[in-house]
């Protein structure tokens, strides 16, 4: 947990540094920042589904035109099917605007997958060449792996948060029922032992 938090802080600080350097260099122009997230859901012991979400933000002072997202780095040997499209286009992305795109992948291969960043291309009216930006990289994705110790703790925390109150009520009712129903048995059992 601490490692993931420190990696998030390092990534955020590096993005701030990159953004400030780009603003100092480019002046009045669009500046695209893209963040890619992956969440996993194990469907059964032989199938896992990955949900990929990409947020694209124009942190610059001008509009970006003909914005295209391409996220085709997912190996066909590892991922069987795609639900949705791995690419998308937008006519323009104004300064301060945010767009999002999501899709899902399914895999039956047990592996650790290292994916390349997604590519975002866009046009700036003052430049003839298409501009490129890349999404944040993802941490290695463990597909169909057994849960680690930290993942087991997180699962236990979620179960306690979700069902803890129900279990407490059931235990209290069972304890109360045991005390109320059989007080005479416990009292006679104590007399015989003396």
Protein backbone atom coordinates (compact mmCIF):
# COMPACT_ATOMS: atom_id res chain seq x y z
CA UNK A 1 0.00 0.00 0.00
CA UNK A 2 2.81 2.39 0.92
CA UNK A 3 4.68 1.44 -2.26
CA UNK A 4 1.63 2.17 -4.43
CA UNK A 5 1.10 5.50 -2.65
CA UNK A 6 4.74 6.52 -3.15
CA UNK A 7 4.56 5.54 -6.84
CA UNK A 8 1.43 7.67 -7.21
CA UNK A 9 3.18 10.65 -5.59
CA UNK A 10 6.23 10.23 -7.84
CA UNK A 11 4.01 10.00 -10.93
CA UNK A 12 2.03 13.10 -9.91
CA UNK A 13 5.19 15.12 -9.24
CA UNK A 14 6.72 14.05 -12.55
CA UNK A 15 3.52 15.06 -14.38
CA UNK A 16 3.60 18.47 -12.68
CA UNK A 17 7.25 18.90 -13.67
CA UNK A 18 6.53 17.89 -17.28
CA UNK A 19 3.52 20.20 -17.45
CA UNK A 20 5.41 23.18 -16.07
CA UNK A 21 8.32 22.57 -18.45
CA UNK A 22 5.95 22.33 -21.40
CA UNK A 23 4.11 25.51 -20.42
CA UNK A 24 7.39 27.39 -20.11
CA UNK A 25 8.50 26.12 -23.53
CA UNK A 26 5.31 26.29 -25.57
CA UNK A 27 3.57 29.48 -24.47
CA UNK A 28 0.09 29.58 -26.01
CA UNK A 29 -0.74 26.09 -27.29
CA UNK A 30 -2.67 22.98 -26.29
CA UNK A 31 -0.99 20.58 -23.90
CA UNK A 32 -2.49 17.11 -23.60
CA UNK A 33 -2.21 15.10 -20.37
CA UNK A 34 -3.62 11.56 -20.44
CA UNK A 35 -4.08 9.21 -17.49
CA UNK A 36 -4.78 5.50 -18.05
CA UNK A 37 -6.22 3.25 -15.32
CA UNK A 38 -6.69 -0.51 -15.32
CA UNK A 39 -9.02 -2.41 -13.00
CA UNK A 40 -9.27 -6.18 -12.90
CA UNK A 41 -12.16 -8.54 -12.24
CA UNK A 42 -11.71 -12.29 -12.09
CA UNK A 43 -14.72 -13.86 -13.79
CA UNK A 44 -13.73 -17.44 -12.89
CA UNK A 45 -10.52 -19.41 -12.41
CA UNK A 46 -9.80 -19.37 -16.17
CA UNK A 47 -11.02 -15.90 -17.22
CA UNK A 48 -10.15 -12.39 -16.10
CA UNK A 49 -11.60 -9.12 -17.40
CA UNK A 50 -9.62 -5.87 -17.49
CA UNK A 51 -11.43 -2.53 -17.65
CA UNK A 52 -9.28 0.21 -19.15
CA UNK A 53 -10.22 3.86 -18.73
CA UNK A 54 -8.30 6.77 -20.25
CA UNK A 55 -8.89 10.40 -19.26
CA UNK A 56 -7.53 13.03 -21.67
CA UNK A 57 -7.19 16.59 -20.41
CA UNK A 58 -6.14 19.70 -22.32
CA UNK A 59 -4.01 21.58 -19.79
CA UNK A 60 -2.87 24.13 -22.41
CA UNK A 61 -4.25 27.54 -23.22
CA UNK A 62 -5.50 26.74 -26.77
CA UNK A 63 -7.87 24.22 -28.37
CA UNK A 64 -6.53 20.92 -29.75
CA UNK A 65 -8.21 19.73 -32.97
CA UNK A 66 -8.68 16.26 -34.50
CA UNK A 67 -7.78 14.48 -31.26
CA UNK A 68 -7.23 10.74 -31.75
CA UNK A 69 -6.64 8.15 -29.05
CA UNK A 70 -5.01 4.85 -30.04
CA UNK A 71 -4.43 2.20 -27.38
CA UNK A 72 -3.51 -0.88 -29.39
CA UNK A 73 -0.61 -2.13 -27.29
CA UNK A 74 -2.63 -5.03 -25.87
CA UNK A 75 -1.11 -8.25 -27.23
CA UNK A 76 -3.49 -10.53 -29.12
CA UNK A 77 -1.69 -13.58 -27.72
CA UNK A 78 -2.74 -12.56 -24.20
CA UNK A 79 -6.15 -10.95 -24.71
CA UNK A 80 -8.94 -12.89 -26.42
CA UNK A 81 -11.62 -10.31 -27.00
CA UNK A 82 -12.27 -6.62 -26.78
CA UNK A 83 -15.53 -5.14 -25.56
CA UNK A 84 -15.65 -1.64 -27.01
CA UNK A 85 -13.02 0.12 -29.12
CA UNK A 86 -9.36 0.62 -28.27
CA UNK A 87 -9.40 3.90 -30.18
CA UNK A 88 -11.57 7.00 -30.35
CA UNK A 89 -11.59 10.44 -31.95
CA UNK A 90 -12.86 13.86 -30.95
CA UNK A 91 -13.27 16.85 -33.25
CA UNK A 92 -11.71 19.21 -30.72
CA UNK A 93 -10.64 19.45 -27.11
CA UNK A 94 -10.89 22.96 -25.76
CA UNK A 95 -8.56 24.40 -23.14
CA UNK A 96 -9.43 22.99 -19.70
CA UNK A 97 -11.64 20.25 -21.18
CA UNK A 98 -11.62 16.58 -20.21
CA UNK A 99 -12.80 13.59 -22.25
CA UNK A 100 -12.80 9.93 -21.24
CA UNK A 101 -12.79 6.63 -23.08
CA UNK A 102 -13.23 3.09 -21.73
CA UNK A 103 -13.10 -0.46 -23.04
CA UNK A 104 -12.71 -3.99 -21.66
CA UNK A 105 -10.41 -6.88 -22.45
CA UNK A 106 -10.69 -10.56 -21.55
CA UNK A 107 -7.79 -12.93 -20.99
CA UNK A 108 -7.36 -16.64 -20.31
CA UNK A 109 -3.55 -16.47 -20.11
CA UNK A 110 -1.79 -16.46 -16.75
CA UNK A 111 0.99 -13.87 -17.06
CA UNK A 112 2.37 -10.54 -15.92
CA UNK A 113 1.62 -7.99 -18.64
CA UNK A 114 3.60 -4.82 -19.29
CA UNK A 115 1.63 -2.46 -21.54
CA UNK A 116 2.97 0.49 -23.51
CA UNK A 117 1.36 3.92 -23.03
CA UNK A 118 -1.57 4.91 -25.23
CA UNK A 119 -0.87 7.37 -28.06
CA UNK A 120 -2.82 10.60 -28.46
CA UNK A 121 -2.37 12.67 -31.62
CA UNK A 122 -3.82 16.13 -32.17
CA UNK A 123 -3.56 19.06 -34.53
CA UNK A 124 -2.54 22.60 -33.69
CA UNK A 125 -3.61 25.24 -36.27
CA UNK A 126 -0.21 26.97 -36.22
CA UNK A 127 1.76 23.76 -36.95
CA UNK A 128 1.56 21.50 -39.99
CA UNK A 129 2.78 18.34 -38.23
CA UNK A 130 0.47 16.31 -35.96
CA UNK A 131 1.43 16.61 -32.29
CA UNK A 132 1.78 13.52 -30.09
CA UNK A 133 1.20 12.84 -26.41
CA UNK A 134 1.33 9.62 -24.41
CA UNK A 135 -0.77 8.39 -21.51
CA UNK A 136 0.72 7.53 -18.17
CA UNK A 137 2.20 4.03 -18.10
CA UNK A 138 0.47 1.29 -16.13
CA UNK A 139 2.04 -0.83 -13.46
CA UNK A 140 2.61 -4.48 -14.43
CA UNK A 141 -0.74 -6.29 -14.55
CA UNK A 142 -0.81 -9.78 -12.97
CA UNK A 143 -3.40 -11.74 -14.91
CA UNK A 144 -5.00 -14.85 -13.35
CA UNK A 145 -2.51 -14.84 -10.49
CA UNK A 146 -3.20 -15.97 -6.95
CA UNK A 147 -3.85 -13.05 -4.61
CA UNK A 148 -0.83 -11.78 -2.70
CA UNK A 149 -0.80 -11.19 1.06
CA UNK A 150 -1.67 -7.48 0.61
CA UNK A 151 -4.50 -8.30 -1.80
CA UNK A 152 -5.90 -10.81 0.70
CA UNK A 153 -5.87 -8.13 3.40
CA UNK A 154 -7.68 -5.71 1.05
CA UNK A 155 -10.29 -8.38 0.27
CA UNK A 156 -10.79 -9.03 3.99
CA UNK A 157 -11.19 -5.29 4.65
CA UNK A 158 -13.82 -5.02 1.92
CA UNK A 159 -15.70 -8.05 3.30
CA UNK A 160 -15.65 -6.64 6.83
CA UNK A 161 -16.83 -3.25 5.59
CA UNK A 162 -19.61 -4.81 3.57
CA UNK A 163 -20.81 -7.67 5.81
CA UNK A 164 -19.33 -6.86 9.24
CA UNK A 165 -22.53 -5.40 10.66
CA UNK A 166 -24.56 -8.43 9.49
CA UNK A 167 -22.13 -10.87 11.08
CA UNK A 168 -22.17 -8.87 14.34
CA UNK A 169 -25.98 -8.98 14.51
CA UNK A 170 -26.06 -12.73 13.79
CA UNK A 171 -23.43 -13.41 16.48
CA UNK A 172 -25.30 -11.29 19.04
CA UNK A 173 -28.60 -13.05 18.27
CA UNK A 174 -26.92 -16.47 18.52
CA UNK A 175 -25.25 -15.53 21.81
CA UNK A 176 -28.48 -14.09 23.21
CA UNK A 177 -30.45 -17.17 22.11
CA UNK A 178 -27.90 -19.46 23.76
CA UNK A 179 -28.06 -17.55 27.05
CA UNK A 180 -31.87 -17.18 27.12
CA UNK A 181 -32.76 -20.70 25.97
CA UNK A 182 -30.45 -22.69 28.17
CA UNK A 183 -29.92 -20.86 31.49
CA UNK A 184 -31.29 -23.80 33.49
CA UNK A 185 -28.85 -26.24 31.88
CA UNK A 186 -25.87 -24.10 32.70
CA UNK A 187 -27.13 -23.54 36.26
CA UNK A 188 -27.69 -27.27 36.92
CA UNK A 189 -24.35 -28.09 35.37
CA UNK A 190 -22.62 -25.75 37.81
CA UNK A 191 -24.39 -27.30 40.83
CA UNK A 192 -23.29 -30.81 39.93
CA UNK A 193 -19.66 -29.79 39.62
CA UNK A 194 -19.58 -28.37 43.16
